[in-house]
Amino acid sequence: MFNGSSISKWNKKKYLLSVGFGIDHFHGVSHFRFLENVAEIAKEGGYLGMFQITKEMVEAEKYIKAIEFVNEKMKGKESIVSNSIVSALEGEYGDHHKTERTNGSELWINPLMTIYWCFNLRNVVRKIKYYDNIKNVNTVAEFNGQLSKYRNGLNKSRDKKRLPI
């Protein structure tokens, strides 16, 4: 989470990497808006490109082994995000369920989940409209509370749009 440091103190060597494209669609994350925001950040020079891991790479092998280890320790509370990424690394596609936690929902496991999107952190933070609400939180619960408070205070949210493909 954020530690409350002033944005102006951050240098250009802080990065944000995002993996798991499409996983949070179930929670209302818009692929359209994500790509729109990437384009805006790219205009400012804050989008640094992407790279993908495949199951043949050492990094992917270690990721898969780490998730298998965690799954053994977290029976019934396995990470939906991490297990979806592992499923994509293993070549699964569509409505594939690696954990019982997703039963009853429709998943879209796909190769895009294994792509890392890379950004200059400073550029991303400047785009977060609710940054002041979350900059001093210490727990996920506090973060969720502050995000809900921000969203409830909005007069209007942007229209939902689908990818034109």
C-alpha atoms as a PDB file:
ATOM      1  CA  MET A   1       0.000   0.000   0.000  1.00  0.00           C
ATOM      2  CA  PHE A   2       0.964   3.645   0.031  1.00  0.00           C
ATOM      3  CA  ASN A   3       3.055   5.022   2.845  1.00  0.00           C
ATOM      4  CA  GLY A   4       1.991   8.633   2.573  1.00  0.00           C
ATOM      5  CA  SER A   5       5.242   9.850   0.980  1.00  0.00           C
ATOM      6  CA  SER A   6       4.911  12.943  -1.145  1.00  0.00           C
ATOM      7  CA  ILE A   7       4.800  12.172  -4.868  1.00  0.00           C
ATOM      8  CA  SER A   8       7.416  14.882  -5.488  1.00  0.00           C
ATOM      9  CA  LYS A   9       9.972  12.857  -3.487  1.00  0.00           C
ATOM     10  CA  TRP A  10       9.695   9.866  -5.831  1.00  0.00           C
ATOM     11  CA  ASN A  11      12.383   9.447  -8.437  1.00  0.00           C
ATOM     12  CA  LYS A  12      12.136   7.960 -11.910  1.00  0.00           C
ATOM     13  CA  LYS A  13      13.441   4.568 -10.798  1.00  0.00           C
ATOM     14  CA  LYS A  14      10.142   3.400  -9.300  1.00  0.00           C
ATOM     15  CA  TYR A  15       8.058   1.151 -11.503  1.00  0.00           C
ATOM     16  CA  LEU A  16       4.672  -0.500 -11.549  1.00  0.00           C
ATOM     17  CA  LEU A  17       4.287  -3.844 -13.295  1.00  0.00           C
ATOM     18  CA  SER A  18       0.845  -5.270 -13.875  1.00  0.00           C
ATOM     19  CA  VAL A  19       0.127  -8.882 -14.816  1.00  0.00           C
ATOM     20  CA  GLY A  20      -3.152 -10.759 -15.228  1.00  0.00           C
ATOM     21  CA  PHE A  21      -4.935  -8.753 -17.926  1.00  0.00           C
ATOM     22  CA  GLY A  22      -8.612  -9.682 -17.892  1.00  0.00           C
ATOM     23  CA  ILE A  23      -8.785 -11.434 -14.528  1.00  0.00           C
ATOM     24  CA  ASP A  24     -10.655  -8.663 -12.722  1.00  0.00           C
ATOM     25  CA  HIS A  25     -13.351  -8.300 -15.362  1.00  0.00           C
ATOM     26  CA  PHE A  26     -15.585 -10.170 -12.890  1.00  0.00           C
ATOM     27  CA  HIS A  27     -15.074  -7.252 -10.454  1.00  0.00           C
ATOM     28  CA  GLY A  28     -16.012  -4.627 -13.023  1.00  0.00           C
ATOM     29  CA  VAL A  29     -12.543  -3.708 -14.268  1.00  0.00           C
ATOM     30  CA  SER A  30     -12.945  -2.541 -17.857  1.00  0.00           C
ATOM     31  CA  HIS A  31     -10.475  -3.752 -20.501  1.00  0.00           C
ATOM     32  CA  PHE A  32     -11.518  -0.753 -22.603  1.00  0.00           C
ATOM     33  CA  ARG A  33     -10.725   1.733 -19.823  1.00  0.00           C
ATOM     34  CA  PHE A  34      -7.456  -0.033 -18.949  1.00  0.00           C
ATOM     35  CA  LEU A  35      -6.202   0.324 -22.526  1.00  0.00           C
ATOM     36  CA  GLU A  36      -7.492   3.905 -22.687  1.00  0.00           C
ATOM     37  CA  ASN A  37      -5.501   4.706 -19.535  1.00  0.00           C
ATOM     38  CA  VAL A  38      -2.377   2.984 -20.914  1.00  0.00           C
ATOM     39  CA  ALA A  39      -2.638   5.247 -23.983  1.00  0.00           C
ATOM     40  CA  GLU A  40      -2.921   8.363 -21.777  1.00  0.00           C
ATOM     41  CA  ILE A  41       0.100   7.325 -19.730  1.00  0.00           C
ATOM     42  CA  ALA A  42       2.008   6.584 -22.961  1.00  0.00           C
ATOM     43  CA  LYS A  43       1.408  10.185 -24.130  1.00  0.00           C
ATOM     44  CA  GLU A  44       3.283  11.336 -21.014  1.00  0.00           C
ATOM     45  CA  GLY A  45       6.134   8.868 -21.499  1.00  0.00           C
ATOM     46  CA  GLY A  46       5.111   6.765 -18.496  1.00  0.00           C
ATOM     47  CA  TYR A  47       4.278   3.558 -20.367  1.00  0.00           C
ATOM     48  CA  LEU A  48       7.465   1.512 -20.648  1.00  0.00           C
ATOM     49  CA  GLY A  49       6.258  -1.429 -22.724  1.00  0.00           C
ATOM     50  CA  MET A  50       5.430  -5.025 -21.976  1.00  0.00           C
ATOM     51  CA  PHE A  51       6.943  -8.472 -21.853  1.00  0.00           C
ATOM     52  CA  GLN A  52       5.449 -11.916 -21.544  1.00  0.00           C
ATOM     53  CA  ILE A  53       6.462 -15.023 -19.682  1.00  0.00           C
ATOM     54  CA  THR A  54       5.862 -18.528 -21.019  1.00  0.00           C
ATOM     55  CA  LYS A  55       5.811 -21.848 -19.185  1.00  0.00           C
ATOM     56  CA  GLU A  56       9.221 -22.751 -20.619  1.00  0.00           C
ATOM     57  CA  MET A  57      10.917 -19.827 -18.852  1.00  0.00           C
ATOM     58  CA  VAL A  58      12.653 -20.350 -15.497  1.00  0.00           C
ATOM     59  CA  GLU A  59      10.709 -17.409 -14.046  1.00  0.00           C
ATOM     60  CA  ALA A  60       7.399 -19.044 -15.001  1.00  0.00           C
ATOM     61  CA  GLU A  61       8.472 -22.419 -13.614  1.00  0.00           C
ATOM     62  CA  LYS A  62       9.333 -20.775 -10.290  1.00  0.00           C
ATOM     63  CA  TYR A  63       6.052 -18.824 -10.289  1.00  0.00           C
ATOM     64  CA  ILE A  64       4.056 -22.016 -10.881  1.00  0.00           C
ATOM     65  CA  LYS A  65       5.943 -23.864  -8.122  1.00  0.00           C
ATOM     66  CA  ALA A  66       5.422 -20.957  -5.727  1.00  0.00           C
ATOM     67  CA  ILE A  67       1.677 -20.907  -6.394  1.00  0.00           C
ATOM     68  CA  GLU A  68       1.456 -24.689  -5.965  1.00  0.00           C
ATOM     69  CA  PHE A  69       3.212 -24.316  -2.586  1.00  0.00           C
ATOM     70  CA  VAL A  70       0.884 -21.507  -1.506  1.00  0.00           C
ATOM     71  CA  ASN A  71      -2.173 -23.471  -2.680  1.00  0.00           C
ATOM     72  CA  GLU A  72      -1.172 -26.333  -0.382  1.00  0.00           C
ATOM     73  CA  LYS A  73      -0.958 -23.942   2.579  1.00  0.00           C
ATOM     74  CA  MET A  74      -4.117 -21.980   1.731  1.00  0.00           C
ATOM     75  CA  LYS A  75      -6.654 -24.760   1.096  1.00  0.00           C
ATOM     76  CA  GLY A  76      -9.978 -23.127   0.259  1.00  0.00           C
ATOM     77  CA  LYS A  77      -8.469 -19.630   0.041  1.00  0.00           C
ATOM     78  CA  GLU A  78      -6.239 -20.004  -3.013  1.00  0.00           C
ATOM     79  CA  SER A  79      -5.517 -16.854  -5.007  1.00  0.00           C
ATOM     80  CA  ILE A  80      -7.924 -16.555  -7.935  1.00  0.00           C
ATOM     81  CA  VAL A  81      -5.567 -14.138  -9.692  1.00  0.00           C
ATOM     82  CA  SER A  82      -2.425 -16.258  -9.320  1.00  0.00           C
ATOM     83  CA  ASN A  83      -4.195 -19.484 -10.247  1.00  0.00           C
ATOM     84  CA  SER A  84      -5.699 -17.834 -13.330  1.00  0.00           C
ATOM     85  CA  ILE A  85      -2.217 -16.729 -14.402  1.00  0.00           C
ATOM     86  CA  VAL A  86      -0.899 -20.262 -13.825  1.00  0.00           C
ATOM     87  CA  SER A  87      -3.779 -21.652 -15.905  1.00  0.00           C
ATOM     88  CA  ALA A  88      -2.862 -19.268 -18.722  1.00  0.00           C
ATOM     89  CA  LEU A  89       0.821 -20.259 -18.438  1.00  0.00           C
ATOM     90  CA  GLU A  90      -0.249 -23.908 -18.725  1.00  0.00           C
ATOM     91  CA  GLY A  91      -2.082 -23.148 -21.976  1.00  0.00           C
ATOM     92  CA  GLU A  92      -5.644 -23.237 -20.679  1.00  0.00           C
ATOM     93  CA  TYR A  93      -8.229 -21.037 -22.367  1.00  0.00           C
ATOM     94  CA  GLY A  94     -11.760 -19.919 -21.614  1.00  0.00           C
ATOM     95  CA  ASP A  95     -13.867 -21.043 -18.679  1.00  0.00           C
ATOM     96  CA  HIS A  96     -11.192 -23.133 -16.924  1.00  0.00           C
ATOM     97  CA  HIS A  97     -11.316 -23.376 -13.102  1.00  0.00           C
ATOM     98  CA  LYS A  98      -8.102 -24.292 -11.277  1.00  0.00           C
ATOM     99  CA  THR A  99      -9.606 -23.595  -7.857  1.00  0.00           C
ATOM    100  CA  GLU A 100     -13.053 -24.334  -6.457  1.00  0.00           C
ATOM    101  CA  ARG A 101     -13.276 -20.697  -5.352  1.00  0.00           C
ATOM    102  CA  THR A 102     -14.352 -19.736  -8.882  1.00  0.00           C
ATOM    103  CA  ASN A 103     -17.059 -22.390  -9.282  1.00  0.00           C
ATOM    104  CA  GLY A 104     -20.312 -20.814 -10.388  1.00  0.00           C
ATOM    105  CA  SER A 105     -18.594 -17.943 -12.204  1.00  0.00           C
ATOM    106  CA  GLU A 106     -17.507 -17.717 -15.817  1.00  0.00           C
ATOM    107  CA  LEU A 107     -13.796 -17.176 -16.346  1.00  0.00           C
ATOM    108  CA  TRP A 108     -11.896 -16.068 -19.432  1.00  0.00           C
ATOM    109  CA  ILE A 109      -8.463 -17.630 -19.039  1.00  0.00           C
ATOM    110  CA  ASN A 110      -6.303 -16.390 -21.918  1.00  0.00           C
ATOM    111  CA  PRO A 111      -2.688 -15.824 -23.012  1.00  0.00           C
ATOM    112  CA  LEU A 112      -2.927 -12.069 -22.316  1.00  0.00           C
ATOM    113  CA  MET A 113      -2.858 -12.870 -18.592  1.00  0.00           C
ATOM    114  CA  THR A 114       0.857 -13.696 -18.788  1.00  0.00           C
ATOM    115  CA  ILE A 115       1.875 -10.278 -20.131  1.00  0.00           C
ATOM    116  CA  TYR A 116       3.590  -7.793 -17.809  1.00  0.00           C
ATOM    117  CA  TRP A 117       2.626  -4.186 -18.521  1.00  0.00           C
ATOM    118  CA  CYS A 118       5.361  -1.810 -17.320  1.00  0.00           C
ATOM    119  CA  PHE A 119       4.928   1.777 -16.157  1.00  0.00           C
ATOM    120  CA  ASN A 120       6.776   4.580 -14.438  1.00  0.00           C
ATOM    121  CA  LEU A 121       5.026   4.584 -11.064  1.00  0.00           C
ATOM    122  CA  ARG A 122       4.999   8.371 -10.783  1.00  0.00           C
ATOM    123  CA  ASN A 123       2.958   8.722 -13.988  1.00  0.00           C
ATOM    124  CA  VAL A 124       0.405   6.176 -12.781  1.00  0.00           C
ATOM    125  CA  VAL A 125      -0.009   7.739  -9.331  1.00  0.00           C
ATOM    126  CA  ARG A 126      -0.649  11.161 -10.892  1.00  0.00           C
ATOM    127  CA  LYS A 127      -3.627   9.616 -12.727  1.00  0.00           C
ATOM    128  CA  ILE A 128      -5.233   8.137  -9.591  1.00  0.00           C
ATOM    129  CA  LYS A 129      -8.060  10.530  -8.811  1.00  0.00           C
ATOM    130  CA  TYR A 130      -8.592   9.038  -5.370  1.00  0.00           C
ATOM    131  CA  TYR A 131      -4.910   9.112  -4.376  1.00  0.00           C
ATOM    132  CA  ASP A 132      -5.509  11.547  -1.505  1.00  0.00           C
ATOM    133  CA  ASN A 133      -8.102   9.107  -0.106  1.00  0.00           C
ATOM    134  CA  ILE A 134      -5.685   6.163  -0.046  1.00  0.00           C
ATOM    135  CA  LYS A 135      -2.225   7.602   0.465  1.00  0.00           C
ATOM    136  CA  ASN A 136      -2.182   6.923   4.203  1.00  0.00           C
ATOM    137  CA  VAL A 137      -3.915   3.544   4.368  1.00  0.00           C
ATOM    138  CA  ASN A 138      -2.134   0.553   5.890  1.00  0.00           C
ATOM    139  CA  THR A 139      -4.466  -2.380   5.241  1.00  0.00           C
ATOM    140  CA  VAL A 140      -6.542  -3.781   2.404  1.00  0.00           C
ATOM    141  CA  ALA A 141      -9.674  -3.136   4.452  1.00  0.00           C
ATOM    142  CA  GLU A 142      -8.741   0.543   4.842  1.00  0.00           C
ATOM    143  CA  PHE A 143      -8.009   0.760   1.124  1.00  0.00           C
ATOM    144  CA  ASN A 144     -11.365  -0.805   0.207  1.00  0.00           C
ATOM    145  CA  GLY A 145     -13.169   1.513   2.592  1.00  0.00           C
ATOM    146  CA  GLN A 146     -11.545   4.617   1.182  1.00  0.00           C
ATOM    147  CA  LEU A 147     -12.131   3.497  -2.405  1.00  0.00           C
ATOM    148  CA  SER A 148     -15.820   2.870  -1.640  1.00  0.00           C
ATOM    149  CA  LYS A 149     -16.069   6.279   0.005  1.00  0.00           C
ATOM    150  CA  TYR A 150     -14.581   7.914  -3.100  1.00  0.00           C
ATOM    151  CA  ARG A 151     -16.853   5.994  -5.497  1.00  0.00           C
ATOM    152  CA  ASN A 152     -19.967   6.770  -3.436  1.00  0.00           C
ATOM    153  CA  GLY A 153     -19.111  10.470  -3.633  1.00  0.00           C
ATOM    154  CA  LEU A 154     -19.062  10.513  -7.429  1.00  0.00           C
ATOM    155  CA  ASN A 155     -21.977  12.206  -9.138  1.00  0.00           C
ATOM    156  CA  LYS A 156     -21.626  10.135 -12.280  1.00  0.00           C
ATOM    157  CA  SER A 157     -19.392   7.314 -13.442  1.00  0.00           C
ATOM    158  CA  ARG A 158     -18.113   6.947 -16.981  1.00  0.00           C
ATOM    159  CA  ASP A 159     -20.127   4.913 -19.441  1.00  0.00           C
ATOM    160  CA  LYS A 160     -19.188   1.253 -19.701  1.00  0.00           C
ATOM    161  CA  LYS A 161     -17.610   0.439 -23.042  1.00  0.00           C
ATOM    162  CA  ARG A 162     -16.603  -2.834 -24.591  1.00  0.00           C
ATOM    163  CA  LEU A 163     -13.503  -3.455 -26.683  1.00  0.00           C
ATOM    164  CA  PRO A 164     -14.411  -3.025 -30.343  1.00  0.00           C
ATOM    165  CA  ILE A 165     -12.997  -6.412 -31.315  1.00  0.00           C
END
